[in-house]
C-alpha atoms as a PDB file:
ATOM      1  CA  MET A   1     105.855 114.470  54.514  1.00  0.00           C
ATOM      2  CA  THR A   2     105.488 114.673  58.301  1.00  0.00           C
ATOM      3  CA  THR A   3     106.941 111.898  60.404  1.00  0.00           C
ATOM      4  CA  LYS A   4     106.220 111.052  63.997  1.00  0.00           C
ATOM      5  CA  SER A   5     109.562 112.513  65.077  1.00  0.00           C
ATOM      6  CA  ASP A   6     108.601 115.867  63.492  1.00  0.00           C
ATOM      7  CA  LEU A   7     105.544 116.256  65.715  1.00  0.00           C
ATOM      8  CA  PRO A   8     105.929 118.331  68.880  1.00  0.00           C
ATOM      9  CA  LYS A   9     106.465 116.258  71.973  1.00  0.00           C
ATOM     10  CA  SER A  10     103.859 116.934  74.617  1.00  0.00           C
ATOM     11  CA  ASP A  11     104.675 117.161  78.275  1.00  0.00           C
ATOM     12  CA  PRO A  12     103.425 114.308  80.436  1.00  0.00           C
ATOM     13  CA  PRO A  13     100.245 115.050  82.377  1.00  0.00           C
ATOM     14  CA  ILE A  14     100.474 116.506  85.868  1.00  0.00           C
ATOM     15  CA  ILE A  15      99.342 114.278  88.697  1.00  0.00           C
ATOM     16  CA  GLN A  16      96.430 115.424  90.834  1.00  0.00           C
ATOM     17  CA  GLU A  17      96.460 115.145  94.626  1.00  0.00           C
ATOM     18  CA  ASP A  18      93.907 112.302  94.713  1.00  0.00           C
ATOM     19  CA  GLU A  19      95.905 110.362  92.111  1.00  0.00           C
ATOM     20  CA  LEU A  20      99.085 110.801  94.143  1.00  0.00           C
ATOM     21  CA  LYS A  21      97.337 109.553  97.283  1.00  0.00           C
ATOM     22  CA  LYS A  22      96.259 106.437  95.378  1.00  0.00           C
ATOM     23  CA  ALA A  23      99.784 105.909  93.997  1.00  0.00           C
ATOM     24  CA  ILE A  24     101.633 106.190  97.328  1.00  0.00           C
ATOM     25  CA  PRO A  25     100.934 102.555  98.394  1.00  0.00           C
ATOM     26  CA  GLU A  26     102.360 101.293  95.082  1.00  0.00           C
ATOM     27  CA  ILE A  27     105.405 103.539  95.488  1.00  0.00           C
ATOM     28  CA  PHE A  28     105.980 102.194  99.018  1.00  0.00           C
ATOM     29  CA  LYS A  29     105.520  98.621  97.808  1.00  0.00           C
ATOM     30  CA  ARG A  30     108.084  99.049  95.038  1.00  0.00           C
ATOM     31  CA  ALA A  31     110.516 100.711  97.430  1.00  0.00           C
ATOM     32  CA  GLN A  32     110.260  97.726  99.777  1.00  0.00           C
ATOM     33  CA  VAL A  33     111.229  95.205  97.111  1.00  0.00           C
ATOM     34  CA  SER A  34     113.714  97.232  95.067  1.00  0.00           C
ATOM     35  CA  SER A  35     116.693  98.972  96.623  1.00  0.00           C
ATOM     36  CA  ASP A  36     117.236 100.836  93.333  1.00  0.00           C
ATOM     37  CA  PHE A  37     113.680 102.187  93.394  1.00  0.00           C
ATOM     38  CA  ARG A  38     114.016 103.036  97.101  1.00  0.00           C
ATOM     39  CA  GLN A  39     117.153 105.036  96.283  1.00  0.00           C
ATOM     40  CA  LEU A  40     115.283 106.792  93.459  1.00  0.00           C
ATOM     41  CA  CYS A  41     112.530 107.769  95.922  1.00  0.00           C
ATOM     42  CA  LEU A  42     115.123 109.290  98.227  1.00  0.00           C
ATOM     43  CA  GLU A  43     117.084 111.098  95.520  1.00  0.00           C
ATOM     44  CA  ASN A  44     114.384 112.065  93.022  1.00  0.00           C
ATOM     45  CA  PRO A  45     110.833 111.588  94.357  1.00  0.00           C
ATOM     46  CA  GLY A  46     109.289 113.221  91.296  1.00  0.00           C
ATOM     47  CA  LYS A  47     110.919 110.687  89.002  1.00  0.00           C
ATOM     48  CA  ALA A  48     109.738 107.846  91.246  1.00  0.00           C
ATOM     49  CA  VAL A  49     106.171 109.176  91.012  1.00  0.00           C
ATOM     50  CA  PHE A  50     106.523 109.407  87.237  1.00  0.00           C
ATOM     51  CA  GLU A  51     107.772 105.809  86.991  1.00  0.00           C
ATOM     52  CA  VAL A  52     104.695 104.563  88.849  1.00  0.00           C
ATOM     53  CA  THR A  53     102.041 106.859  87.390  1.00  0.00           C
ATOM     54  CA  GLY A  54     103.380 108.254  84.124  1.00  0.00           C
ATOM     55  CA  LYS A  55     102.538 111.697  85.485  1.00  0.00           C
ATOM     56  CA  THR A  56     104.672 114.510  86.846  1.00  0.00           C
ATOM     57  CA  LEU A  57     104.398 116.529  90.019  1.00  0.00           C
ATOM     58  CA  PRO A  58     103.081 120.077  89.564  1.00  0.00           C
ATOM     59  CA  GLU A  59     105.781 122.677  88.990  1.00  0.00           C
ATOM     60  CA  GLY A  60     106.992 124.122  92.266  1.00  0.00           C
ATOM     61  CA  SER A  61     105.671 121.258  94.385  1.00  0.00           C
ATOM     62  CA  THR A  62     107.885 119.297  96.721  1.00  0.00           C
ATOM     63  CA  LEU A  63     107.745 115.704  97.832  1.00  0.00           C
ATOM     64  CA  SER A  64     110.221 113.786  99.904  1.00  0.00           C
ATOM     65  CA  PHE A  65     110.584 110.284 101.247  1.00  0.00           C
ATOM     66  CA  SER A  66     112.701 109.191 104.185  1.00  0.00           C
ATOM     67  CA  ASP A  67     114.339 105.868 104.868  1.00  0.00           C
ATOM     68  CA  ASP A  68     113.729 105.891 108.627  1.00  0.00           C
ATOM     69  CA  GLN A  69     113.014 102.430 109.868  1.00  0.00           C
END
């Protein structure tokens, strides 16, 4: 008998450039209201993108946010 936990886990989908451009305003909005999310953006931008979109950055890509005001 096969259970759900026996099935291979698939990697989350990779975000496309147009999807990332659409997600940036939501990321900025969340960072404005949540200091924890803002810190996540600074420390791990890929994880912040994943939290908003459910998708990962392409392997080898870089993204950074700054907290300059």
